[in-house]
Amino acid sequence: MQSQNPMIADFVKLANSAAGTLAGMTREARETARERAKEAFGGMDFVTREEFDAVKTMAAKAREQAEDLAVRVAALEAKQKA
């Protein structure tokens, strides 16, 4: 059985309005924080994972080539001394 007390009905309306307002404020605060984070990190030069992996592969290949060249130079120097 529902109460017909207008005071309780007003209180329920007030509570529902407050809950809606609080939910809206929470959503707005979250969106504002997200936008500020985008602004803060947007100016930084971050690389994508694909770019990082590509450069890592290139560096490994360059390291291997440098090691191979060092071996060849050492062999040529040894041959020249003999």
C-alpha atoms as a PDB file:
ATOM      1  CA  MET A   1       0.000   0.000   0.000  1.00  0.00           C
ATOM      2  CA  GLN A   2       1.461   3.293  -1.101  1.00  0.00           C
ATOM      3  CA  SER A   3       1.519   6.290   1.221  1.00  0.00           C
ATOM      4  CA  GLN A   4      -0.383   9.361   0.145  1.00  0.00           C
ATOM      5  CA  ASN A   5       1.703  11.654   2.324  1.00  0.00           C
ATOM      6  CA  PRO A   6       2.778  14.617   0.147  1.00  0.00           C
ATOM      7  CA  MET A   7       5.812  15.219   2.324  1.00  0.00           C
ATOM      8  CA  ILE A   8       7.159  11.723   1.606  1.00  0.00           C
ATOM      9  CA  ALA A   9       6.362  12.103  -2.103  1.00  0.00           C
ATOM     10  CA  ASP A  10       8.294  15.391  -2.175  1.00  0.00           C
ATOM     11  CA  PHE A  11      11.213  13.795  -0.359  1.00  0.00           C
ATOM     12  CA  VAL A  12      11.285  10.925  -2.886  1.00  0.00           C
ATOM     13  CA  LYS A  13      11.256  13.414  -5.776  1.00  0.00           C
ATOM     14  CA  LEU A  14      14.078  15.360  -4.152  1.00  0.00           C
ATOM     15  CA  ALA A  15      16.125  12.199  -3.616  1.00  0.00           C
ATOM     16  CA  ASN A  16      15.606  11.116  -7.236  1.00  0.00           C
ATOM     17  CA  SER A  17      16.617  14.554  -8.488  1.00  0.00           C
ATOM     18  CA  ALA A  18      19.725  14.545  -6.297  1.00  0.00           C
ATOM     19  CA  ALA A  19      20.702  11.087  -7.557  1.00  0.00           C
ATOM     20  CA  GLY A  20      20.292  12.216 -11.173  1.00  0.00           C
ATOM     21  CA  THR A  21      22.308  15.359 -10.553  1.00  0.00           C
ATOM     22  CA  LEU A  22      25.068  13.377  -8.845  1.00  0.00           C
ATOM     23  CA  ALA A  23      25.216  10.910 -11.745  1.00  0.00           C
ATOM     24  CA  GLY A  24      25.446  13.806 -14.206  1.00  0.00           C
ATOM     25  CA  MET A  25      28.211  15.476 -12.210  1.00  0.00           C
ATOM     26  CA  THR A  26      30.141  12.207 -12.054  1.00  0.00           C
ATOM     27  CA  ARG A  27      29.834  11.709 -15.815  1.00  0.00           C
ATOM     28  CA  GLU A  28      30.908  15.305 -16.486  1.00  0.00           C
ATOM     29  CA  ALA A  29      33.897  15.040 -14.125  1.00  0.00           C
ATOM     30  CA  ARG A  30      35.003  11.812 -15.832  1.00  0.00           C
ATOM     31  CA  GLU A  31      34.756  13.411 -19.288  1.00  0.00           C
ATOM     32  CA  THR A  32      36.623  16.506 -18.124  1.00  0.00           C
ATOM     33  CA  ALA A  33      39.417  14.395 -16.630  1.00  0.00           C
ATOM     34  CA  ARG A  34      39.642  12.370 -19.836  1.00  0.00           C
ATOM     35  CA  GLU A  35      39.910  15.553 -21.934  1.00  0.00           C
ATOM     36  CA  ARG A  36      42.599  16.998 -19.664  1.00  0.00           C
ATOM     37  CA  ALA A  37      44.595  13.780 -19.878  1.00  0.00           C
ATOM     38  CA  LYS A  38      44.338  13.876 -23.680  1.00  0.00           C
ATOM     39  CA  GLU A  39      45.594  17.468 -23.661  1.00  0.00           C
ATOM     40  CA  ALA A  40      48.452  16.634 -21.300  1.00  0.00           C
ATOM     41  CA  PHE A  41      49.607  13.541 -23.159  1.00  0.00           C
ATOM     42  CA  GLY A  42      48.741  14.859 -26.615  1.00  0.00           C
ATOM     43  CA  GLY A  43      51.782  17.122 -26.710  1.00  0.00           C
ATOM     44  CA  MET A  44      54.134  14.261 -25.981  1.00  0.00           C
ATOM     45  CA  ASP A  45      55.592  12.238 -28.815  1.00  0.00           C
ATOM     46  CA  PHE A  46      54.608   8.683 -28.033  1.00  0.00           C
ATOM     47  CA  VAL A  47      55.217   5.991 -30.609  1.00  0.00           C
ATOM     48  CA  THR A  48      52.870   3.211 -31.522  1.00  0.00           C
ATOM     49  CA  ARG A  49      53.732  -0.382 -30.723  1.00  0.00           C
ATOM     50  CA  GLU A  50      54.216  -1.102 -34.424  1.00  0.00           C
ATOM     51  CA  GLU A  51      56.714   1.763 -34.787  1.00  0.00           C
ATOM     52  CA  PHE A  52      58.601   0.603 -31.704  1.00  0.00           C
ATOM     53  CA  ASP A  53      58.802  -2.985 -32.958  1.00  0.00           C
ATOM     54  CA  ALA A  54      59.993  -1.809 -36.399  1.00  0.00           C
ATOM     55  CA  VAL A  55      62.809   0.273 -34.896  1.00  0.00           C
ATOM     56  CA  LYS A  56      63.734  -2.556 -32.538  1.00  0.00           C
ATOM     57  CA  THR A  57      64.045  -4.933 -35.515  1.00  0.00           C
ATOM     58  CA  MET A  58      66.139  -2.385 -37.423  1.00  0.00           C
ATOM     59  CA  ALA A  59      68.451  -1.933 -34.423  1.00  0.00           C
ATOM     60  CA  ALA A  60      68.927  -5.698 -34.053  1.00  0.00           C
ATOM     61  CA  LYS A  61      69.788  -6.001 -37.751  1.00  0.00           C
ATOM     62  CA  ALA A  62      72.251  -3.084 -37.511  1.00  0.00           C
ATOM     63  CA  ARG A  63      73.868  -4.697 -34.464  1.00  0.00           C
ATOM     64  CA  GLU A  64      74.304  -7.986 -36.346  1.00  0.00           C
ATOM     65  CA  GLN A  65      75.805  -6.170 -39.328  1.00  0.00           C
ATOM     66  CA  ALA A  66      78.205  -4.276 -37.063  1.00  0.00           C
ATOM     67  CA  GLU A  67      79.331  -7.529 -35.447  1.00  0.00           C
ATOM     68  CA  ASP A  68      79.846  -9.122 -38.871  1.00  0.00           C
ATOM     69  CA  LEU A  69      81.854  -6.117 -40.047  1.00  0.00           C
ATOM     70  CA  ALA A  70      83.983  -6.205 -36.893  1.00  0.00           C
ATOM     71  CA  VAL A  71      84.825  -9.845 -37.608  1.00  0.00           C
ATOM     72  CA  ARG A  72      85.693  -9.021 -41.233  1.00  0.00           C
ATOM     73  CA  VAL A  73      87.869  -6.066 -40.193  1.00  0.00           C
ATOM     74  CA  ALA A  74      89.689  -8.231 -37.658  1.00  0.00           C
ATOM     75  CA  ALA A  75      90.297 -10.887 -40.342  1.00  0.00           C
ATOM     76  CA  LEU A  76      91.593  -8.279 -42.798  1.00  0.00           C
ATOM     77  CA  GLU A  77      93.892  -6.787 -40.148  1.00  0.00           C
ATOM     78  CA  ALA A  78      95.224 -10.219 -39.272  1.00  0.00           C
ATOM     79  CA  LYS A  79      95.806 -10.972 -42.967  1.00  0.00           C
ATOM     80  CA  GLN A  80      97.591  -7.649 -43.450  1.00  0.00           C
ATOM     81  CA  LYS A  81      99.947  -8.289 -40.507  1.00  0.00           C
ATOM     82  CA  ALA A  82     100.898 -11.718 -41.849  1.00  0.00           C
END
